[in-house]
Amino acid sequence: MQLHCVLWLDGSRRWTTSRSHRSSIRLDADAILLHRCGHRNGRAAAARGARSAPAGRNGARRPEGMGSLSGSLPVVGDRPRRGERMNVAQHTVPTRQGTNMTNDDLSKAWDRHAETYARVGAPCTGYIAQSLFHTVAGRLPSAAHILEIACGNGELSRAAVMHCLEERTTTGTCGRVVATDFSPEMVAHAKSNLGVLGAADIVRCEVRDGQALGFEDASFDAVFSAFGIFLFPDRNAGWREAARVLRPGGLLATAVWRGPEDNALARLQMAPVIAALPERVRASLPRASWLDIASPEGLAREISAAGFVDPEVSVFNAVLTAPTPRAMWSMMRENPVTRPLFAACSDEELAPVERSVLSSFEELAGGADRPVRFDASCHFLVARRA
């Protein structure tokens, strides 16, 4: 017999052995029983997709980026009354699209986050990024010129470089890789990460704005962006730039988080935050435009409008781990996606939010020194330049 924990919005828990009760945790339309809905953490037993862990170590599985864990986008709705369900698709924490920050401001924000991202975020979403590359590696032409947009720590480019090195070993020739990000600090981390491969003749890392890359038309055979373009202030400009720099028939591959109705991670991270946020902050949260492409249909439609054909969308699931509850809290505090939410709180308002988050994550992990794990789900899209 298995016990399932149903977490209600007032913070109470009710244990049940009923599968039908457990299934109600999914969604009714766009409503959800849980009050966590962002993209990283959650109470493992409280959501579809969250798994029980070995004795004393339960963990919800997770993914960043949030780019990464840094790409995580908490989704929140109106505060419900006791026993009511929450609409998770209504509002989100301000994203790159939802702020008044200039591109330079955003670049500096990601610069400040680069060290924490390299330590906590990249190990989590790096696996997904590398898997995105391997999804299409078999379709690449020989000696392919490969571009990564919003490379973060360069994890996808690492897989691309390894592909090129293997190609050179077997054929005597190989392609080239260019890893780009608009954050100089992210690019510096990518250079360090890729430098150990001893492939300076294959890969270069450059500071480039994905909305205006500056490369010549039709200069690449494949363009990749894992959790990057979907967060751009002008997302459509990002897709159009990817199409412009691709040769006709060239490949685009991108990863985008699925919506909260399909992604346990997207239902879990922000519950303890929302429970403790002051009402005035909650009331100011906008809806995230990335939800428009959280479905396969929406994603394929937007990509097609940017000059791509034959879009293929598949689901990719992963179990992601943060080393400790406090490491996750620090990640959330610094992440440019979620930081504006916390910056809107006074010190007095933020203290109960921190207590709520750490308490929740520690319960999830089985202790303050234990890892927290999360189920995460995203879409991989592969399409060709028309």
Protein backbone atom coordinates (compact mmCIF):
# COMPACT_ATOMS: atom_id res chain seq x y z
CA MET A 1 0.00 0.00 0.00
CA GLN A 2 1.22 3.49 -0.83
CA LEU A 3 0.36 6.67 1.01
CA HIS A 4 -0.08 9.83 -1.04
CA CYS A 5 0.19 13.29 0.46
CA VAL A 6 -2.20 15.96 -0.82
CA LEU A 7 -0.88 19.43 -0.06
CA TRP A 8 -3.60 22.05 0.27
CA LEU A 9 -3.15 25.73 -0.28
CA ASP A 10 -3.56 26.59 3.38
CA GLY A 11 -0.45 24.53 4.10
CA SER A 12 -2.23 21.52 5.57
CA ARG A 13 -1.57 17.97 4.37
CA ARG A 14 -3.98 15.12 4.01
CA TRP A 15 -2.78 11.58 3.52
CA THR A 16 -4.71 9.12 1.44
CA THR A 17 -4.34 5.71 -0.20
CA SER A 18 -6.88 6.62 -2.86
CA ARG A 19 -5.58 6.79 -6.41
CA SER A 20 -8.55 8.89 -7.43
CA HIS A 21 -7.71 11.40 -4.73
CA ARG A 22 -4.10 11.37 -5.85
CA SER A 23 -5.08 11.97 -9.46
CA SER A 24 -6.98 15.10 -8.49
CA ILE A 25 -3.60 16.67 -7.91
CA ARG A 26 -3.16 16.88 -11.67
CA LEU A 27 -5.32 19.62 -13.13
CA ASP A 28 -8.91 20.54 -13.70
CA ALA A 29 -8.57 22.60 -16.87
CA ASP A 30 -5.85 25.06 -15.88
CA ALA A 31 -6.41 24.79 -12.14
CA ILE A 32 -4.13 22.95 -9.78
CA LEU A 33 -4.45 21.85 -6.21
CA LEU A 34 -0.88 22.67 -5.31
CA HIS A 35 0.43 26.12 -4.58
CA ARG A 36 3.85 25.50 -6.02
CA CYS A 37 4.07 25.96 -9.73
CA GLY A 38 7.43 27.18 -10.81
CA HIS A 39 10.17 25.17 -12.34
CA ARG A 40 12.38 23.67 -9.79
CA ASN A 41 11.31 22.21 -6.51
CA GLY A 42 8.40 20.63 -4.82
CA ARG A 43 7.09 18.25 -2.29
CA ALA A 44 7.72 14.91 -3.85
CA ALA A 45 4.66 13.15 -2.54
CA ALA A 46 2.41 16.04 -3.33
CA ALA A 47 2.38 16.03 -7.12
CA ARG A 48 2.04 13.80 -10.12
CA GLY A 49 5.55 13.02 -11.25
CA ALA A 50 7.13 13.54 -7.86
CA ARG A 51 8.60 10.29 -6.56
CA SER A 52 9.26 8.87 -3.14
CA ALA A 53 12.90 8.40 -2.21
CA PRO A 54 14.66 5.83 -0.04
CA ALA A 55 13.95 5.76 3.69
CA GLY A 56 14.09 9.21 5.17
CA ARG A 57 15.05 10.86 1.84
CA ASN A 58 12.01 11.78 -0.11
CA GLY A 59 12.62 14.15 -2.97
CA ALA A 60 10.71 15.87 -5.66
CA ARG A 61 12.46 15.77 -8.94
CA ARG A 62 13.23 18.85 -10.67
CA PRO A 63 15.10 20.57 -13.60
CA GLU A 64 17.33 25.59 -14.98
CA GLY A 65 17.68 27.22 -16.35
CA MET A 66 16.07 27.55 -15.94
CA GLY A 67 19.79 28.59 -20.33
CA SER A 68 19.22 26.30 -17.46
CA LEU A 69 17.87 26.20 -14.14
CA SER A 70 18.27 29.88 -14.66
CA GLY A 71 15.58 29.53 -17.23
CA SER A 72 13.01 28.44 -14.68
CA LEU A 73 9.76 30.34 -14.69
CA PRO A 74 7.57 30.18 -11.62
CA VAL A 75 3.89 30.35 -12.50
CA VAL A 76 1.42 31.65 -9.98
CA GLY A 77 -2.23 32.51 -9.82
CA ASP A 78 -4.64 34.38 -7.60
CA ARG A 79 -4.50 33.46 -3.91
CA PRO A 80 -7.34 31.03 -3.33
CA ARG A 81 -9.46 30.73 -0.25
CA ARG A 82 -9.04 27.67 1.95
CA GLY A 83 -9.82 24.52 0.02
CA GLU A 84 -10.01 26.27 -3.35
CA ARG A 85 -7.78 25.46 -6.29
CA MET A 86 -5.27 27.77 -7.87
CA ASN A 87 -5.19 28.88 -11.49
CA VAL A 88 -1.54 28.36 -12.34
CA ALA A 89 -1.65 29.76 -15.86
CA GLN A 90 -2.74 33.29 -15.01
CA HIS A 91 0.42 34.99 -13.81
CA THR A 92 4.14 34.54 -13.55
CA VAL A 93 7.10 36.09 -11.90
CA PRO A 94 8.47 38.88 -14.13
CA THR A 95 10.56 37.36 -16.91
CA ARG A 96 12.84 38.90 -19.49
CA GLN A 97 9.73 39.76 -21.43
CA GLY A 98 7.98 41.18 -18.39
CA THR A 99 10.52 43.66 -17.05
CA ASN A 100 11.50 47.20 -17.95
CA MET A 101 15.19 46.29 -17.88
CA THR A 102 17.34 47.10 -20.88
CA ASN A 103 19.34 44.40 -22.61
CA ASP A 104 22.44 45.75 -20.88
CA ASP A 105 20.70 45.53 -17.49
CA LEU A 106 19.68 41.94 -18.22
CA SER A 107 23.19 41.03 -19.32
CA LYS A 108 24.63 42.38 -16.08
CA ALA A 109 22.00 40.51 -14.06
CA TRP A 110 23.04 37.23 -15.67
CA ASP A 111 26.69 38.19 -15.12
CA ARG A 112 25.99 38.39 -11.38
CA HIS A 113 24.25 35.01 -11.50
CA ALA A 114 26.93 33.23 -13.54
CA GLU A 115 28.95 31.81 -10.64
CA THR A 116 25.94 30.34 -8.84
CA TYR A 117 24.55 29.06 -12.11
CA ALA A 118 27.82 27.29 -12.92
CA ARG A 119 27.81 25.66 -9.48
CA VAL A 120 24.13 24.71 -9.13
CA GLY A 121 22.21 25.30 -12.35
CA ALA A 122 24.47 23.97 -15.08
CA PRO A 123 24.92 20.51 -13.52
CA CYS A 124 21.13 20.18 -13.50
CA THR A 125 20.12 21.39 -16.93
CA GLY A 126 23.40 20.47 -18.61
CA TYR A 127 22.21 16.90 -19.02
CA ILE A 128 19.09 18.11 -20.81
CA ALA A 129 21.13 20.44 -23.04
CA GLN A 130 23.53 17.67 -24.04
CA SER A 131 20.59 15.35 -24.69
CA LEU A 132 19.12 17.99 -27.00
CA PHE A 133 22.32 17.93 -29.04
CA HIS A 134 22.41 14.14 -29.18
CA THR A 135 18.80 14.14 -30.38
CA VAL A 136 19.89 15.57 -33.74
CA ALA A 137 23.59 14.69 -33.90
CA GLY A 138 22.90 11.85 -36.32
CA ARG A 139 21.28 14.27 -38.80
CA LEU A 140 24.18 16.72 -38.96
CA PRO A 141 26.15 16.94 -42.19
CA SER A 142 29.84 16.12 -42.10
CA ALA A 143 32.06 18.96 -40.87
CA ALA A 144 28.98 20.87 -39.69
CA HIS A 145 29.20 24.48 -38.51
CA ILE A 146 27.27 24.55 -35.22
CA LEU A 147 25.96 27.55 -33.28
CA GLU A 148 24.66 27.59 -29.70
CA ILE A 149 22.56 30.60 -28.67
CA ALA A 150 22.35 31.50 -24.95
CA CYS A 151 25.02 28.92 -24.12
CA GLY A 152 25.25 29.58 -20.39
CA ASN A 153 27.98 27.29 -19.07
CA GLY A 154 28.47 25.72 -22.50
CA GLU A 155 27.12 22.26 -21.67
CA LEU A 156 25.46 21.74 -25.05
CA SER A 157 28.55 23.03 -26.82
CA ARG A 158 30.58 20.49 -24.87
CA ALA A 159 28.55 17.71 -26.48
CA ALA A 160 28.99 19.38 -29.87
CA VAL A 161 32.76 19.61 -29.44
CA MET A 162 32.96 15.95 -28.41
CA HIS A 163 31.00 15.12 -31.57
CA CYS A 164 33.51 17.06 -33.66
CA LEU A 165 36.50 15.43 -31.97
CA GLU A 166 35.09 11.98 -32.65
CA GLU A 167 34.40 12.96 -36.24
CA ARG A 168 38.01 14.09 -36.68
CA THR A 169 39.29 10.82 -35.21
CA THR A 170 37.22 8.73 -37.62
CA THR A 171 37.31 10.85 -40.80
CA GLY A 172 40.27 13.19 -40.45
CA THR A 173 38.05 16.27 -40.70
CA CYS A 174 35.43 17.88 -38.47
CA GLY A 175 33.12 20.81 -38.02
CA ARG A 176 33.27 23.94 -35.89
CA VAL A 177 31.32 25.13 -32.85
CA VAL A 178 30.49 28.70 -31.78
CA ALA A 179 29.04 29.15 -28.29
CA THR A 180 27.35 32.52 -27.69
CA ASP A 181 25.65 34.33 -24.83
CA PHE A 182 24.83 37.97 -24.16
CA SER A 183 26.39 37.68 -20.68
CA PRO A 184 30.18 38.11 -20.69
CA GLU A 185 30.47 36.19 -17.41
CA MET A 186 28.50 33.27 -18.82
CA VAL A 187 30.79 33.25 -21.85
CA ALA A 188 33.82 33.27 -19.54
CA HIS A 189 32.48 30.20 -17.74
CA ALA A 190 31.80 28.50 -21.07
CA LYS A 191 35.38 29.20 -22.18
CA SER A 192 36.71 27.66 -18.99
CA ASN A 193 34.38 24.68 -19.24
CA LEU A 194 35.23 23.99 -22.88
CA GLY A 195 38.92 24.83 -22.59
CA VAL A 196 39.68 21.56 -20.82
CA LEU A 197 38.71 19.64 -23.96
CA GLY A 198 41.84 20.77 -25.78
CA ALA A 199 39.86 21.78 -28.85
CA ALA A 200 40.70 25.45 -29.31
CA ASP A 201 40.80 24.92 -33.07
CA ILE A 202 37.23 23.61 -33.02
CA VAL A 203 35.31 25.84 -30.62
CA ARG A 204 35.18 29.52 -29.85
CA CYS A 205 33.04 31.38 -27.29
CA GLU A 206 31.70 34.85 -28.04
CA VAL A 207 29.50 37.50 -26.47
CA ARG A 208 26.55 37.87 -28.84
CA ASP A 209 22.96 39.07 -28.51
CA GLY A 210 20.74 36.25 -29.73
CA GLN A 211 18.25 38.80 -31.06
CA ALA A 212 20.91 40.38 -33.30
CA LEU A 213 23.75 37.91 -33.72
CA GLY A 214 25.85 39.78 -36.25
CA PHE A 215 26.85 36.65 -38.20
CA GLU A 216 26.54 36.48 -41.97
CA ASP A 217 23.41 34.98 -43.50
CA ALA A 218 23.38 31.20 -44.02
CA SER A 219 26.63 30.64 -42.12
CA PHE A 220 25.67 27.63 -39.96
CA ASP A 221 24.39 24.10 -40.55
CA ALA A 222 22.72 23.79 -37.14
CA VAL A 223 21.55 26.17 -34.41
CA PHE A 224 20.80 25.07 -30.84
CA SER A 225 19.22 26.88 -27.90
CA ALA A 226 18.38 25.04 -24.69
CA PHE A 227 16.05 27.16 -22.52
CA GLY A 228 17.43 30.33 -24.09
CA ILE A 229 15.47 31.93 -26.91
CA PHE A 230 12.14 31.20 -25.25
CA LEU A 231 13.04 33.76 -22.53
CA PHE A 232 14.23 36.54 -24.84
CA PRO A 233 12.58 39.96 -24.53
CA ASP A 234 11.73 39.60 -28.23
CA ARG A 235 11.40 35.86 -28.65
CA ASN A 236 10.33 36.07 -32.28
CA ALA A 237 13.44 38.09 -33.11
CA GLY A 238 15.46 35.24 -31.64
CA TRP A 239 13.77 32.63 -33.85
CA ARG A 240 14.15 34.86 -36.91
CA GLU A 241 17.87 35.35 -36.24
CA ALA A 242 18.30 31.59 -35.90
CA ALA A 243 16.61 31.16 -39.29
CA ARG A 244 18.68 33.94 -40.88
CA VAL A 245 22.06 32.47 -39.93
CA LEU A 246 21.06 28.93 -40.96
CA ARG A 247 21.69 27.59 -44.41
CA PRO A 248 18.55 26.45 -46.27
CA GLY A 249 17.67 23.03 -44.88
CA GLY A 250 19.75 23.66 -41.75
CA LEU A 251 18.58 22.34 -38.40
CA LEU A 252 17.14 24.23 -35.44
CA ALA A 253 16.89 22.39 -32.11
CA THR A 254 15.52 24.02 -28.97
CA ALA A 255 14.28 23.03 -25.52
CA VAL A 256 11.31 24.74 -23.87
CA TRP A 257 9.73 23.92 -20.52
CA ARG A 258 6.29 22.34 -20.65
CA GLY A 259 3.40 24.08 -18.92
CA PRO A 260 2.33 23.36 -15.34
CA GLU A 261 -0.36 20.89 -16.38
CA ASP A 262 2.34 18.60 -17.83
CA ASN A 263 5.41 19.42 -15.77
CA ALA A 264 5.61 18.45 -12.11
CA LEU A 265 8.52 20.81 -11.65
CA ALA A 266 6.44 23.67 -12.99
CA ARG A 267 3.84 22.90 -10.33
CA LEU A 268 6.19 22.60 -7.42
CA GLN A 269 8.92 25.17 -6.97
CA MET A 270 6.99 28.21 -5.92
CA ALA A 271 4.43 26.80 -3.49
CA PRO A 272 6.23 27.86 -0.30
CA VAL A 273 7.07 31.22 -1.88
CA ILE A 274 3.49 31.96 -2.85
CA ALA A 275 2.21 30.82 0.54
CA ALA A 276 4.34 33.46 2.26
CA LEU A 277 4.32 36.33 -0.25
CA PRO A 278 2.55 39.55 0.69
CA GLU A 279 -0.66 40.04 -1.26
CA ARG A 280 0.55 43.26 -2.88
CA VAL A 281 3.42 41.39 -4.56
CA ARG A 282 1.20 38.54 -5.72
CA ALA A 283 -1.27 40.97 -7.23
CA SER A 284 1.42 42.51 -9.45
CA LEU A 285 2.54 39.31 -11.15
CA PRO A 286 1.94 39.22 -14.94
CA ARG A 287 1.27 36.24 -17.13
CA ALA A 288 4.37 34.86 -18.86
CA SER A 289 4.33 34.95 -22.63
CA TRP A 290 6.35 31.73 -22.80
CA LEU A 291 3.19 29.86 -21.80
CA ASP A 292 2.04 30.48 -25.38
CA ILE A 293 4.67 28.00 -26.56
CA ALA A 294 4.43 25.53 -23.68
CA SER A 295 2.21 23.29 -25.82
CA PRO A 296 3.51 21.36 -28.85
CA GLU A 297 1.01 23.15 -31.10
CA GLY A 298 1.94 26.62 -29.88
CA LEU A 299 5.65 25.95 -30.17
CA ALA A 300 5.41 24.46 -33.67
CA ARG A 301 3.16 27.30 -34.83
CA GLU A 302 5.54 30.02 -33.63
CA ILE A 303 8.60 28.31 -35.10
CA SER A 304 6.88 27.83 -38.45
CA ALA A 305 6.02 31.54 -38.58
CA ALA A 306 9.72 32.37 -38.17
CA GLY A 307 10.75 30.56 -41.35
CA PHE A 308 11.08 26.91 -40.37
CA VAL A 309 9.42 23.79 -41.80
CA ASP A 310 8.79 20.21 -40.72
CA PRO A 311 8.73 20.91 -36.96
CA GLU A 312 8.99 17.84 -34.74
CA VAL A 313 8.11 18.17 -31.05
CA SER A 314 8.91 15.47 -28.53
CA VAL A 315 8.72 15.21 -24.74
CA PHE A 316 11.91 14.90 -22.71
CA ASN A 317 11.78 14.07 -19.01
CA ALA A 318 14.62 14.24 -16.51
CA VAL A 319 15.26 13.93 -12.79
CA LEU A 320 17.28 16.90 -11.58
CA THR A 321 19.00 17.47 -8.26
CA ALA A 322 19.95 20.47 -6.14
CA PRO A 323 22.68 19.70 -3.57
CA THR A 324 20.88 21.18 -0.56
CA PRO A 325 17.70 23.14 0.21
CA ARG A 326 19.72 26.28 0.91
CA ALA A 327 21.59 25.95 -2.37
CA MET A 328 18.24 25.97 -4.15
CA TRP A 329 17.06 28.97 -2.15
CA SER A 330 20.25 30.86 -3.03
CA MET A 331 19.73 29.95 -6.68
CA MET A 332 16.19 31.31 -6.58
CA ARG A 333 17.28 34.51 -4.81
CA GLU A 334 19.96 35.27 -7.42
CA ASN A 335 18.25 34.01 -10.56
CA PRO A 336 17.41 37.01 -12.77
CA VAL A 337 14.08 35.36 -13.59
CA THR A 338 12.88 35.08 -9.97
CA ARG A 339 14.97 37.79 -8.31
CA PRO A 340 12.55 40.64 -9.13
CA LEU A 341 9.89 38.82 -7.13
CA PHE A 342 12.03 38.80 -3.99
CA ALA A 343 13.36 42.30 -4.62
CA ALA A 344 9.77 43.55 -4.41
CA CYS A 345 9.63 42.40 -0.76
CA SER A 346 10.97 44.33 2.21
CA ASP A 347 13.41 42.57 4.54
CA GLU A 348 10.55 41.96 6.95
CA GLU A 349 8.41 40.46 4.18
CA LEU A 350 11.21 38.33 2.79
CA ALA A 351 12.11 36.65 6.08
CA PRO A 352 8.92 34.51 6.27
CA VAL A 353 9.31 33.65 2.58
CA GLU A 354 12.80 32.29 3.26
CA ARG A 355 11.56 30.33 6.27
CA SER A 356 8.70 28.89 4.23
CA VAL A 357 10.97 27.85 1.35
CA LEU A 358 13.67 26.30 3.50
CA SER A 359 11.15 24.46 5.64
CA SER A 360 9.44 23.03 2.57
CA PHE A 361 12.67 22.06 0.81
CA GLU A 362 14.15 20.51 3.96
CA GLU A 363 11.04 18.41 4.41
CA LEU A 364 11.32 17.37 0.79
CA ALA A 365 14.99 16.47 1.09
CA GLY A 366 14.79 14.79 4.48
CA GLY A 367 17.14 17.30 6.07
CA ALA A 368 19.04 20.54 5.58
CA ASP A 369 22.13 18.70 4.33
CA ARG A 370 20.32 16.39 1.89
CA PRO A 371 19.72 16.88 -1.85
CA VAL A 372 16.34 17.78 -3.29
CA ARG A 373 15.27 16.00 -6.47
CA PHE A 374 12.62 16.88 -9.01
CA ASP A 375 10.82 15.45 -12.00
CA ALA A 376 11.11 17.90 -14.88
CA SER A 377 9.53 17.82 -18.32
CA CYS A 378 10.27 19.88 -21.41
CA HIS A 379 9.69 19.83 -25.15
CA PHE A 380 12.44 19.29 -27.67
CA LEU A 381 11.67 20.88 -31.01
CA VAL A 382 13.62 20.09 -34.17
CA ALA A 383 12.85 21.92 -37.43
CA ARG A 384 14.52 22.82 -40.71
CA ARG A 385 15.19 26.19 -42.23
CA ALA A 386 12.84 26.68 -45.18
